[in-house]
N, C-alpha and C. Protein backbone atom coordinates (compact mmCIF):
# COMPACT_ATOMS: atom_id res chain seq x y z
N MET A 1 181.44 227.28 229.37
CA MET A 1 180.74 226.78 228.13
C MET A 1 180.92 227.69 227.50
N GLY A 2 181.35 227.53 226.02
CA GLY A 2 181.72 228.67 225.10
C GLY A 2 180.35 228.58 224.60
N VAL A 3 179.90 229.91 223.48
CA VAL A 3 178.89 230.21 222.96
C VAL A 3 179.17 229.98 221.60
N SER A 4 178.27 229.43 220.30
CA SER A 4 178.18 229.35 219.74
C SER A 4 177.86 230.14 218.88
N ILE A 5 177.78 230.13 217.13
CA ILE A 5 177.47 231.14 216.52
C ILE A 5 175.77 230.42 215.67
N GLU A 6 176.24 229.36 215.90
CA GLU A 6 174.39 228.81 215.91
C GLU A 6 173.77 228.85 216.55
N ASP A 7 174.01 229.01 217.36
CA ASP A 7 173.21 229.13 219.22
C ASP A 7 172.45 230.44 218.89
N ILE A 8 174.08 231.17 218.83
CA ILE A 8 173.53 232.89 218.53
C ILE A 8 172.00 233.61 217.59
N LYS A 9 172.46 232.37 215.74
CA LYS A 9 171.71 232.72 214.88
C LYS A 9 170.05 231.94 215.33
N LYS A 10 170.35 230.69 215.76
CA LYS A 10 169.17 229.87 216.51
C LYS A 10 168.33 231.07 217.24
N LEU A 11 169.26 231.87 218.28
CA LEU A 11 168.22 232.42 219.60
C LEU A 11 167.26 234.03 218.98
N LYS A 12 168.30 234.21 218.14
CA LYS A 12 167.46 235.13 217.11
C LYS A 12 166.46 234.91 216.12
N GLU A 13 166.97 233.92 215.73
CA GLU A 13 165.45 233.72 214.62
C GLU A 13 164.36 233.34 215.70
N LEU A 14 164.09 232.82 216.88
CA LEU A 14 163.39 231.90 217.46
C LEU A 14 162.63 233.47 218.70
N THR A 15 163.74 234.77 219.00
CA THR A 15 162.80 235.37 219.81
C THR A 15 163.03 236.78 219.21
N GLY A 16 163.40 237.12 217.47
CA GLY A 16 162.96 238.16 216.85
C GLY A 16 163.83 239.50 217.66
N ILE A 17 165.64 239.10 218.54
CA ILE A 17 166.45 239.93 219.10
C ILE A 17 167.30 239.97 218.21
N GLY A 18 168.20 240.96 218.24
CA GLY A 18 169.04 241.44 217.69
C GLY A 18 170.53 240.42 218.13
N LEU A 19 171.73 240.36 217.15
CA LEU A 19 172.30 239.01 217.55
C LEU A 19 173.30 239.79 218.92
N THR A 20 173.52 240.81 218.49
CA THR A 20 174.42 241.21 219.99
C THR A 20 173.26 240.85 221.46
N ASP A 21 172.43 241.26 221.15
CA ASP A 21 171.54 240.38 222.53
C ASP A 21 171.32 239.14 222.97
N ALA A 22 170.88 238.53 221.54
CA ALA A 22 171.29 237.07 221.59
C ALA A 22 172.52 236.41 222.11
N LYS A 23 174.08 237.15 222.06
CA LYS A 23 175.06 236.92 222.07
C LYS A 23 175.41 237.08 223.69
N ALA A 24 174.88 238.69 223.64
CA ALA A 24 174.67 238.27 225.43
C ALA A 24 173.89 237.76 226.23
N ALA A 25 172.52 237.35 226.04
CA ALA A 25 171.99 236.37 226.80
C ALA A 25 172.50 235.35 226.83
N LEU A 26 173.24 234.91 225.27
CA LEU A 26 173.61 233.48 225.64
C LEU A 26 174.96 233.19 226.68
N THR A 27 176.26 234.24 226.53
CA THR A 27 176.61 234.48 227.69
C THR A 27 176.10 234.49 228.94
N GLU A 28 175.20 235.26 229.25
CA GLU A 28 174.67 235.55 230.67
C GLU A 28 174.15 234.10 231.30
N ALA A 29 173.71 233.25 230.20
CA ALA A 29 173.27 232.07 231.10
C ALA A 29 174.63 231.00 230.43
N ASN A 30 175.77 231.35 230.51
CA ASN A 30 176.74 230.56 230.42
C ASN A 30 176.68 229.18 228.85
N GLY A 31 176.23 229.71 227.76
CA GLY A 31 176.29 229.41 226.93
C GLY A 31 174.79 227.69 226.71
N ASP A 32 174.10 228.11 228.10
CA ASP A 32 172.66 227.28 228.04
C ASP A 32 171.46 227.54 226.90
N PHE A 33 171.41 227.26 226.40
CA PHE A 33 170.68 227.70 225.02
C PHE A 33 169.37 227.75 225.85
N ASP A 34 168.75 226.48 226.41
CA ASP A 34 167.61 226.85 226.83
C ASP A 34 167.18 227.81 228.27
N LYS A 35 168.31 227.92 228.86
CA LYS A 35 168.19 229.02 230.01
C LYS A 35 167.79 230.30 229.28
N ALA A 36 168.44 230.36 228.39
CA ALA A 36 168.84 232.09 227.25
C ALA A 36 167.85 231.98 226.73
N LEU A 37 166.66 231.31 225.96
CA LEU A 37 165.54 231.13 225.42
C LEU A 37 164.46 231.56 226.25
N GLU A 38 164.50 230.71 227.48
CA GLU A 38 163.71 231.44 228.48
C GLU A 38 163.94 232.55 228.91
N ALA A 39 164.93 232.98 229.27
CA ALA A 39 165.29 234.78 230.10
C ALA A 39 164.63 234.89 228.52
N MET A 40 165.09 235.10 227.84
CA MET A 40 164.50 236.12 226.65
C MET A 40 162.90 236.12 226.63
N ARG A 41 162.36 234.64 226.33
CA ARG A 41 161.15 234.71 226.10
C ARG A 41 160.31 235.42 227.52
N LYS A 42 161.21 235.66 228.62
CA LYS A 42 160.39 236.67 229.41
C LYS A 42 160.51 238.10 229.56
N LYS A 43 161.80 238.31 228.99
CA LYS A 43 161.53 239.39 228.69
C LYS A 43 160.98 240.42 227.28
N GLY A 44 160.56 239.14 226.58
CA GLY A 44 159.69 239.52 224.93
C GLY A 44 158.21 239.16 225.76
N LEU A 45 157.72 238.32 227.07
CA LEU A 45 157.11 238.81 227.28
C LEU A 45 156.23 239.78 228.13
N THR A 46 157.26 240.74 228.59
CA THR A 46 156.88 242.23 229.01
C THR A 46 156.69 242.93 227.89
N LYS A 47 157.40 243.21 226.46
CA LYS A 47 157.71 243.33 225.80
C LYS A 47 156.04 243.79 225.13
N ALA A 48 155.56 242.19 225.05
CA ALA A 48 154.24 241.73 224.27
C ALA A 48 153.08 242.73 225.19
N GLU A 49 153.15 242.44 226.59
CA GLU A 49 152.08 243.35 227.31
C GLU A 49 152.38 244.76 227.09
N LYS A 50 153.09 245.33 227.04
CA LYS A 50 152.95 246.72 226.05
C LYS A 50 152.56 247.28 225.05
N LYS A 51 152.29 245.92 223.96
CA LYS A 51 151.91 246.29 223.05
C LYS A 51 150.05 245.90 222.71
N GLY A 52 150.04 245.07 223.66
CA GLY A 52 148.64 244.91 223.84
C GLY A 52 147.43 246.19 223.87
N ASP A 53 148.20 246.96 223.64
CA ASP A 53 146.78 248.44 223.81
C ASP A 53 146.29 248.69 222.24
N ARG A 54 147.44 248.25 221.36
CA ARG A 54 147.34 248.83 219.69
C ARG A 54 146.67 248.00 219.27
N GLU A 55 145.97 248.77 218.46
CA GLU A 55 144.98 248.56 217.08
C GLU A 55 145.36 246.87 216.85
N THR A 56 144.35 246.26 216.07
CA THR A 56 144.66 245.38 215.75
C THR A 56 142.98 245.39 214.36
N ARG A 57 143.78 245.55 213.40
CA ARG A 57 142.25 245.64 212.17
C ARG A 57 142.78 245.20 211.05
N GLU A 58 143.88 244.12 210.88
CA GLU A 58 144.56 243.07 210.14
C GLU A 58 144.37 241.81 210.41
N GLY A 59 144.40 240.36 209.78
CA GLY A 59 144.42 239.22 210.29
C GLY A 59 144.22 238.11 209.13
N LEU A 60 143.12 237.51 209.64
CA LEU A 60 142.83 236.37 208.48
C LEU A 60 141.75 235.83 209.57
N VAL A 61 141.26 234.74 208.37
CA VAL A 61 139.82 234.09 208.99
C VAL A 61 141.04 233.02 208.84
N GLU A 62 140.71 231.65 209.54
CA GLU A 62 141.23 230.18 209.50
C GLU A 62 140.08 229.22 210.13
N SER A 63 140.55 228.40 209.51
CA SER A 63 139.49 227.11 209.57
C SER A 63 140.33 225.92 209.90
N TYR A 64 139.52 225.60 210.70
CA TYR A 64 140.26 223.54 211.04
C TYR A 64 138.74 222.53 210.80
N VAL A 65 139.07 221.77 210.19
CA VAL A 65 138.08 220.48 210.47
C VAL A 65 138.62 219.15 211.15
N HIS A 66 138.26 219.07 212.38
CA HIS A 66 138.93 217.50 212.89
C HIS A 66 138.32 216.03 212.41
N SER A 67 138.37 215.56 211.69
CA SER A 67 138.47 213.55 211.39
C SER A 67 136.31 214.09 210.81
N ASN A 68 136.29 215.31 210.21
CA ASN A 68 134.77 215.55 209.68
C ASN A 68 133.90 215.57 210.76
N ARG A 69 134.44 215.35 212.25
CA ARG A 69 133.26 215.71 212.96
C ARG A 69 132.92 217.45 213.73
N ILE A 70 134.22 217.73 213.79
CA ILE A 70 134.11 218.96 214.25
C ILE A 70 135.05 220.02 213.45
N GLY A 71 134.11 220.80 213.41
CA GLY A 71 134.66 222.15 212.70
C GLY A 71 134.90 223.43 213.25
N VAL A 72 135.85 224.55 212.99
CA VAL A 72 136.44 225.63 213.55
C VAL A 72 136.63 226.80 212.84
N VAL A 73 136.49 227.75 213.02
CA VAL A 73 136.20 229.13 212.11
C VAL A 73 136.93 230.16 212.80
N VAL A 74 137.70 230.92 213.06
CA VAL A 74 138.65 231.50 214.13
C VAL A 74 138.99 233.07 212.94
N GLU A 75 139.10 234.18 213.75
CA GLU A 75 139.24 235.18 213.41
C GLU A 75 140.32 235.44 214.35
N VAL A 76 141.55 235.69 213.72
CA VAL A 76 142.80 236.34 214.46
C VAL A 76 143.52 237.89 213.80
N ASN A 77 143.22 238.70 214.33
CA ASN A 77 143.77 239.93 214.15
C ASN A 77 145.16 240.47 214.58
N CYS A 78 145.66 241.10 213.55
CA CYS A 78 147.09 241.43 213.89
C CYS A 78 146.80 243.21 213.44
N GLU A 79 148.05 243.74 212.96
CA GLU A 79 148.59 245.06 213.22
C GLU A 79 148.12 245.45 211.56
N THR A 80 148.96 244.70 210.96
CA THR A 80 149.42 245.18 209.54
C THR A 80 149.14 243.63 208.76
N ASP A 81 149.31 244.23 207.66
CA ASP A 81 148.69 243.16 206.60
C ASP A 81 150.07 242.49 206.37
N PHE A 82 151.02 242.79 206.41
CA PHE A 82 152.54 242.22 206.02
C PHE A 82 152.38 241.18 206.86
N VAL A 83 152.39 241.10 208.83
CA VAL A 83 152.29 240.06 209.63
C VAL A 83 150.79 239.04 208.89
N ALA A 84 149.85 239.56 209.12
CA ALA A 84 149.31 238.52 208.56
C ALA A 84 148.93 237.87 207.47
N ARG A 85 150.49 237.62 206.39
CA ARG A 85 150.70 237.30 205.09
C ARG A 85 152.09 236.33 205.63
N LEU A 86 152.51 236.28 206.77
CA LEU A 86 153.55 236.01 207.15
C LEU A 86 153.04 234.16 206.98
N PRO A 87 154.08 233.04 207.07
CA PRO A 87 153.77 231.75 207.14
C PRO A 87 153.14 230.94 208.56
N GLU A 88 154.34 232.13 209.61
CA GLU A 88 154.32 231.52 210.67
C GLU A 88 152.87 232.02 211.66
N PHE A 89 152.09 233.36 210.74
CA PHE A 89 151.00 233.91 211.35
C PHE A 89 149.83 233.00 211.02
N LYS A 90 149.88 232.03 209.81
CA LYS A 90 149.01 231.25 209.12
C LYS A 90 149.17 230.50 210.42
N GLU A 91 150.04 229.67 210.50
CA GLU A 91 150.48 228.14 211.60
C GLU A 91 150.12 228.57 212.65
N PHE A 92 150.44 229.72 213.30
CA PHE A 92 149.76 229.89 214.83
C PHE A 92 148.24 230.09 214.61
N ALA A 93 147.47 230.75 213.60
CA ALA A 93 146.11 230.61 213.78
C ALA A 93 145.17 229.43 213.83
N HIS A 94 146.41 228.68 212.88
CA HIS A 94 145.94 227.10 212.50
C HIS A 94 145.88 226.58 214.31
N GLN A 95 146.75 226.64 214.99
CA GLN A 95 147.13 226.37 215.95
C GLN A 95 145.66 226.96 216.67
N ILE A 96 145.91 228.17 216.99
CA ILE A 96 144.32 228.38 217.69
C ILE A 96 142.72 227.56 217.63
N ALA A 97 142.85 227.24 215.84
CA ALA A 97 141.88 226.35 215.40
C ALA A 97 141.73 225.32 215.91
N MET A 98 142.98 224.90 216.26
CA MET A 98 142.98 223.53 216.54
C MET A 98 142.61 223.44 217.86
N GLN A 99 143.15 224.35 218.99
CA GLN A 99 142.95 224.33 219.87
C GLN A 99 141.31 223.93 220.21
N ILE A 100 140.84 225.17 219.57
CA ILE A 100 138.56 225.12 220.35
C ILE A 100 138.18 224.29 219.65
N ALA A 101 139.07 223.47 218.53
CA ALA A 101 138.07 221.94 218.16
C ALA A 101 138.62 221.43 219.35
N ALA A 102 139.37 221.47 219.98
CA ALA A 102 140.01 220.21 221.00
C ALA A 102 139.22 220.66 222.20
N MET A 103 139.41 222.07 222.95
CA MET A 103 138.61 222.47 223.72
C MET A 103 137.67 223.05 223.68
N ASN A 104 137.24 223.51 223.14
CA ASN A 104 135.73 224.20 222.97
C ASN A 104 135.36 225.23 223.71
N PRO A 105 136.14 226.42 223.91
CA PRO A 105 136.24 227.20 225.09
C PRO A 105 134.16 228.00 224.43
N SER A 106 134.22 228.91 225.51
CA SER A 106 132.94 229.63 225.23
C SER A 106 133.44 231.04 225.01
N TYR A 107 134.33 231.70 225.70
CA TYR A 107 134.73 233.28 225.07
C TYR A 107 136.40 233.26 225.04
N SER A 108 136.19 233.94 224.49
CA SER A 108 138.13 234.37 224.27
C SER A 108 138.74 234.92 225.47
N THR A 109 138.23 235.55 226.08
CA THR A 109 138.91 236.19 227.25
C THR A 109 138.42 236.63 228.59
N MET A 110 138.51 236.97 229.77
CA MET A 110 137.95 236.59 230.86
C MET A 110 136.78 237.68 230.34
N GLU A 111 137.69 239.09 229.88
CA GLU A 111 137.04 240.32 229.49
C GLU A 111 135.75 239.83 228.93
N ASP A 112 135.21 238.78 228.06
CA ASP A 112 134.26 238.28 226.89
C ASP A 112 133.48 237.95 227.93
N ILE A 113 133.64 237.22 228.46
CA ILE A 113 132.27 236.82 229.94
C ILE A 113 131.43 237.52 230.00
N PRO A 114 130.21 237.55 229.63
CA PRO A 114 128.95 238.92 230.22
C PRO A 114 128.46 238.70 231.34
N ALA A 115 128.60 240.33 232.05
CA ALA A 115 128.82 240.75 232.92
C ALA A 115 127.70 240.01 234.08
N GLU A 116 126.02 239.67 233.49
CA GLU A 116 125.44 239.33 234.16
C GLU A 116 126.06 237.30 234.66
N VAL A 117 126.75 236.54 233.59
CA VAL A 117 127.05 235.67 233.99
C VAL A 117 127.94 235.17 235.21
N LEU A 118 128.98 236.58 234.90
CA LEU A 118 130.06 236.71 236.25
C LEU A 118 129.87 237.06 237.26
N GLU A 119 128.85 237.84 237.49
CA GLU A 119 127.96 238.42 238.50
C GLU A 119 127.52 237.36 239.50
N ALA A 120 126.29 236.57 238.50
CA ALA A 120 125.95 235.10 239.68
C ALA A 120 126.84 234.16 240.03
N LYS A 121 128.24 233.76 238.91
CA LYS A 121 128.74 232.82 239.48
C LYS A 121 129.57 233.89 240.67
N LYS A 122 129.65 234.77 241.02
CA LYS A 122 130.45 235.39 242.15
C LYS A 122 129.59 235.73 243.40
N ALA A 123 128.53 235.95 242.86
CA ALA A 123 127.13 235.48 243.83
C ALA A 123 127.36 234.28 244.51
N GLU A 124 127.01 233.34 243.93
CA GLU A 124 127.38 232.13 244.03
C GLU A 124 128.16 231.61 245.07
N LEU A 125 129.21 231.95 244.66
CA LEU A 125 130.33 231.80 245.40
C LEU A 125 130.43 232.44 246.91
N LEU A 126 130.29 233.66 246.78
CA LEU A 126 130.47 234.30 248.24
C LEU A 126 129.47 233.91 248.84
N ALA A 127 128.40 233.30 248.67
CA ALA A 127 127.26 233.02 249.60
C ALA A 127 127.65 231.36 249.75
N SER A 128 128.58 230.78 249.74
CA SER A 128 128.93 229.27 249.52
C SER A 128 129.44 229.57 251.28
N GLU A 129 128.82 228.22 251.51
CA GLU A 129 129.52 228.17 253.53
C GLU A 129 130.51 228.12 253.71
N SER A 130 131.45 227.95 252.71
CA SER A 130 132.87 227.61 253.09
C SER A 130 133.91 228.81 253.21
N LEU A 131 133.09 229.79 252.43
CA LEU A 131 133.43 231.04 252.47
C LEU A 131 133.19 232.06 253.80
N GLN A 132 131.84 231.40 254.29
CA GLN A 132 132.01 232.30 255.61
C GLN A 132 132.66 232.24 256.37
N SER A 133 133.55 231.35 256.86
CA SER A 133 134.24 230.85 257.59
C SER A 133 135.44 231.66 257.38
N LYS A 134 135.99 232.31 256.29
CA LYS A 134 136.94 232.85 256.29
C LYS A 134 137.02 234.07 256.55
N PRO A 135 138.01 235.16 256.88
CA PRO A 135 138.25 236.22 257.52
C PRO A 135 137.49 237.43 256.31
N ALA A 136 136.76 238.00 256.66
CA ALA A 136 135.72 238.93 255.59
C ALA A 136 136.99 239.45 254.65
N GLU A 137 137.70 239.93 255.38
CA GLU A 137 138.89 240.84 254.12
C GLU A 137 139.27 240.15 253.48
N MET A 138 139.79 238.60 253.43
CA MET A 138 140.10 238.05 252.46
C MET A 138 139.04 236.79 251.53
N ARG A 139 137.53 237.60 251.44
CA ARG A 139 136.74 236.98 250.70
C ARG A 139 136.68 237.14 249.27
N ASP A 140 136.87 238.68 249.18
CA ASP A 140 137.15 239.27 247.61
C ASP A 140 137.77 238.23 246.97
N GLN A 141 139.00 238.66 247.58
CA GLN A 141 140.21 237.47 247.09
C GLN A 141 140.51 236.12 246.39
N ILE A 142 139.90 235.60 247.69
CA ILE A 142 139.28 234.02 247.14
C ILE A 142 138.81 234.00 246.07
N VAL A 143 137.07 234.76 246.15
CA VAL A 143 136.68 234.51 245.50
C VAL A 143 136.74 234.78 244.37
N GLU A 144 137.90 235.51 243.83
CA GLU A 144 138.98 236.27 242.05
C GLU A 144 139.46 235.31 242.19
N GLY A 145 139.93 234.23 242.90
CA GLY A 145 140.73 233.23 242.68
C GLY A 145 139.81 232.18 242.23
N GLN A 146 139.18 232.18 242.87
CA GLN A 146 137.71 230.29 242.72
C GLN A 146 137.25 231.07 241.23
N LEU A 147 136.84 232.35 240.67
CA LEU A 147 136.47 232.70 239.73
C LEU A 147 137.33 231.99 238.60
N LYS A 148 138.48 232.71 238.84
CA LYS A 148 139.22 232.42 237.44
C LYS A 148 139.29 230.88 237.32
N LYS A 149 139.43 229.87 238.22
CA LYS A 149 139.44 228.23 238.62
C LYS A 149 138.45 227.98 237.82
N HIS A 150 136.84 228.37 237.98
CA HIS A 150 135.75 227.74 237.32
C HIS A 150 135.86 228.06 236.15
N PHE A 151 136.50 229.60 235.95
CA PHE A 151 135.93 230.03 233.91
C PHE A 151 137.38 229.27 233.37
N ALA A 152 138.53 228.65 233.66
CA ALA A 152 139.77 228.21 232.89
C ALA A 152 139.59 227.59 231.92
N GLU A 153 138.80 226.76 232.13
CA GLU A 153 138.55 225.45 230.72
C GLU A 153 137.40 226.24 229.80
N GLN A 154 136.54 227.21 230.23
CA GLN A 154 135.60 227.97 229.21
C GLN A 154 136.13 229.15 228.25
N VAL A 155 137.11 229.35 229.11
CA VAL A 155 138.35 231.02 228.48
C VAL A 155 139.35 230.51 228.00
N LEU A 156 139.01 230.45 225.91
CA LEU A 156 140.33 230.18 225.56
C LEU A 156 141.73 230.76 226.19
N ALA A 157 142.11 231.84 226.12
CA ALA A 157 143.42 232.41 226.74
C ALA A 157 143.59 231.66 227.84
N GLU A 158 142.99 231.25 228.84
CA GLU A 158 143.24 230.77 230.43
C GLU A 158 143.31 228.83 230.18
N GLN A 159 143.40 228.15 228.81
CA GLN A 159 143.43 226.88 229.00
C GLN A 159 144.75 226.64 228.56
N ALA A 160 145.24 225.58 228.98
CA ALA A 160 146.56 224.80 228.80
C ALA A 160 146.39 224.72 226.69
N PHE A 161 147.45 224.87 226.63
CA PHE A 161 147.57 225.13 225.62
C PHE A 161 147.99 223.64 225.15
N VAL A 162 147.05 223.29 224.11
CA VAL A 162 146.94 221.81 223.67
C VAL A 162 148.08 220.75 223.02
N LEU A 163 149.35 221.94 222.32
CA LEU A 163 149.85 221.48 221.60
C LEU A 163 152.00 221.54 222.37
N ASP A 164 151.62 222.25 223.78
CA ASP A 164 152.89 222.41 225.11
C ASP A 164 151.44 222.96 225.98
N ASP A 165 151.19 221.93 227.22
CA ASP A 165 150.62 221.86 228.55
C ASP A 165 151.41 222.82 229.89
N THR A 166 152.74 223.41 229.25
CA THR A 166 153.50 223.86 229.91
C THR A 166 152.67 225.52 230.60
N LYS A 167 152.41 225.68 229.22
CA LYS A 167 151.93 227.08 229.00
C LYS A 167 150.42 227.08 228.51
N THR A 168 149.66 228.49 228.99
CA THR A 168 148.39 228.90 228.40
C THR A 168 148.36 229.03 227.29
N VAL A 169 147.07 229.44 226.67
CA VAL A 169 147.25 229.41 225.52
C VAL A 169 147.05 231.03 225.24
N GLY A 170 146.44 231.94 226.21
CA GLY A 170 147.37 233.60 226.31
C GLY A 170 148.68 233.51 226.59
N GLU A 171 149.51 232.40 227.27
CA GLU A 171 151.16 232.90 227.17
C GLU A 171 151.26 232.55 225.98
N ARG A 172 150.80 231.48 225.03
CA ARG A 172 151.02 231.03 223.49
C ARG A 172 150.74 232.52 222.72
N ILE A 173 150.16 233.55 223.06
CA ILE A 173 149.51 234.17 222.29
C ILE A 173 150.45 235.66 222.35
N LYS A 174 150.92 235.64 223.73
CA LYS A 174 152.09 236.50 224.28
C LYS A 174 153.17 236.38 223.40
N GLU A 175 153.82 235.05 223.49
CA GLU A 175 155.28 234.72 222.90
C GLU A 175 155.18 235.05 221.29
N GLN A 176 153.80 234.98 220.28
CA GLN A 176 153.42 235.67 219.08
C GLN A 176 153.62 236.53 219.23
N ILE A 177 152.96 237.32 219.91
CA ILE A 177 153.34 239.08 220.26
C ILE A 177 154.81 239.26 220.07
N ALA A 178 155.38 238.55 220.69
CA ALA A 178 156.92 239.17 220.99
C ALA A 178 157.41 238.69 220.03
N LEU A 179 157.38 237.43 219.11
CA LEU A 179 157.87 237.20 217.79
C LEU A 179 157.63 238.38 216.59
N SER A 180 156.11 238.68 216.39
CA SER A 180 156.11 239.14 215.11
C SER A 180 156.06 240.54 215.52
N GLY A 181 156.22 241.09 216.84
CA GLY A 181 156.11 242.19 217.01
C GLY A 181 155.01 243.42 216.63
N GLU A 182 154.01 242.81 217.04
CA GLU A 182 152.64 243.44 216.85
C GLU A 182 151.50 242.75 217.82
N ASN A 183 150.50 243.78 218.09
CA ASN A 183 149.87 242.98 219.03
C ASN A 183 148.67 241.79 218.19
N ILE A 184 148.44 240.78 218.71
CA ILE A 184 147.54 239.93 218.54
C ILE A 184 146.38 239.86 218.84
N ARG A 185 145.65 239.73 218.54
CA ARG A 185 143.82 238.99 219.57
C ARG A 185 143.02 238.35 218.20
N ILE A 186 142.78 237.27 219.19
CA ILE A 186 141.86 236.65 218.93
C ILE A 186 140.51 237.10 219.04
N SER A 187 139.80 237.62 218.09
CA SER A 187 138.51 238.57 217.42
C SER A 187 137.28 237.28 218.07
N GLN A 188 136.73 236.67 217.51
CA GLN A 188 136.10 235.71 217.01
C GLN A 188 135.93 234.88 216.87
N PHE A 189 135.54 233.03 217.01
CA PHE A 189 135.42 231.88 216.84
C PHE A 189 133.88 231.50 217.26
N ARG A 190 133.88 230.18 215.63
CA ARG A 190 132.49 229.16 216.33
C ARG A 190 132.97 228.02 215.99
N ARG A 191 132.47 226.91 216.91
CA ARG A 191 132.93 226.21 216.80
C ARG A 191 131.80 224.94 216.48
N ILE A 192 131.60 223.74 215.56
CA ILE A 192 130.44 223.08 215.10
C ILE A 192 130.75 221.75 215.14
N GLU A 193 129.91 220.99 215.85
CA GLU A 193 130.23 219.45 216.07
C GLU A 193 129.04 218.85 215.74
N LEU A 194 129.32 217.45 214.73
CA LEU A 194 128.12 217.11 214.67
C LEU A 194 127.30 216.24 215.33
N GLY A 195 126.01 216.80 215.13
CA GLY A 195 125.18 216.40 215.72
C GLY A 195 124.64 216.81 217.29
N VAL A 196 125.45 218.06 216.77
CA VAL A 196 125.31 218.15 218.65
C VAL A 196 125.07 220.38 217.89
N THR A 197 124.08 220.44 218.60
CA THR A 197 123.39 221.78 218.58
C THR A 197 123.58 222.57 219.98
N GLU A 198 123.66 224.62 219.71
CA GLU A 198 123.75 224.71 221.30
C GLU A 198 122.17 224.69 221.57
């Protein structure tokens, strides 16, 4: 199967890689665009993880109101004002605001869960009868998995992305990092629902 110029350009646009790399990826995938895109995404995500420690002092505050009943304000940070002003960054921030409106997370990442909340749940899981029947050396690993599962709905980065449930919000953030070439962080958010007080 041949490699078309249109596919090379499209792959370059979607992934932010050079034309030569885009052509090589398509050749490697025997002209299969989806397969090449998936391969580049995997490589891009690896690059995104390396950017995860860089400071994010720029960004924007995005808002979203759903049916005049749910309102969200979210702060999305990046490294430079240049990226913060790009339409695709604004669109990404809007998607995150929609996610928060739909899924009502309590925390941005697992690291944001207060230690006492995490410890209380961990103690509860460690004390469960079903865990006592498991080998002692496996219990911590089992509890870690159960903790992640328990908090999956409450943590924004762990939730299924509402616009594409084949990925998590965390994976969507990594894609945006790969596309922008900058670290991106969801710093804070507030969600207000009509008639509901915390």
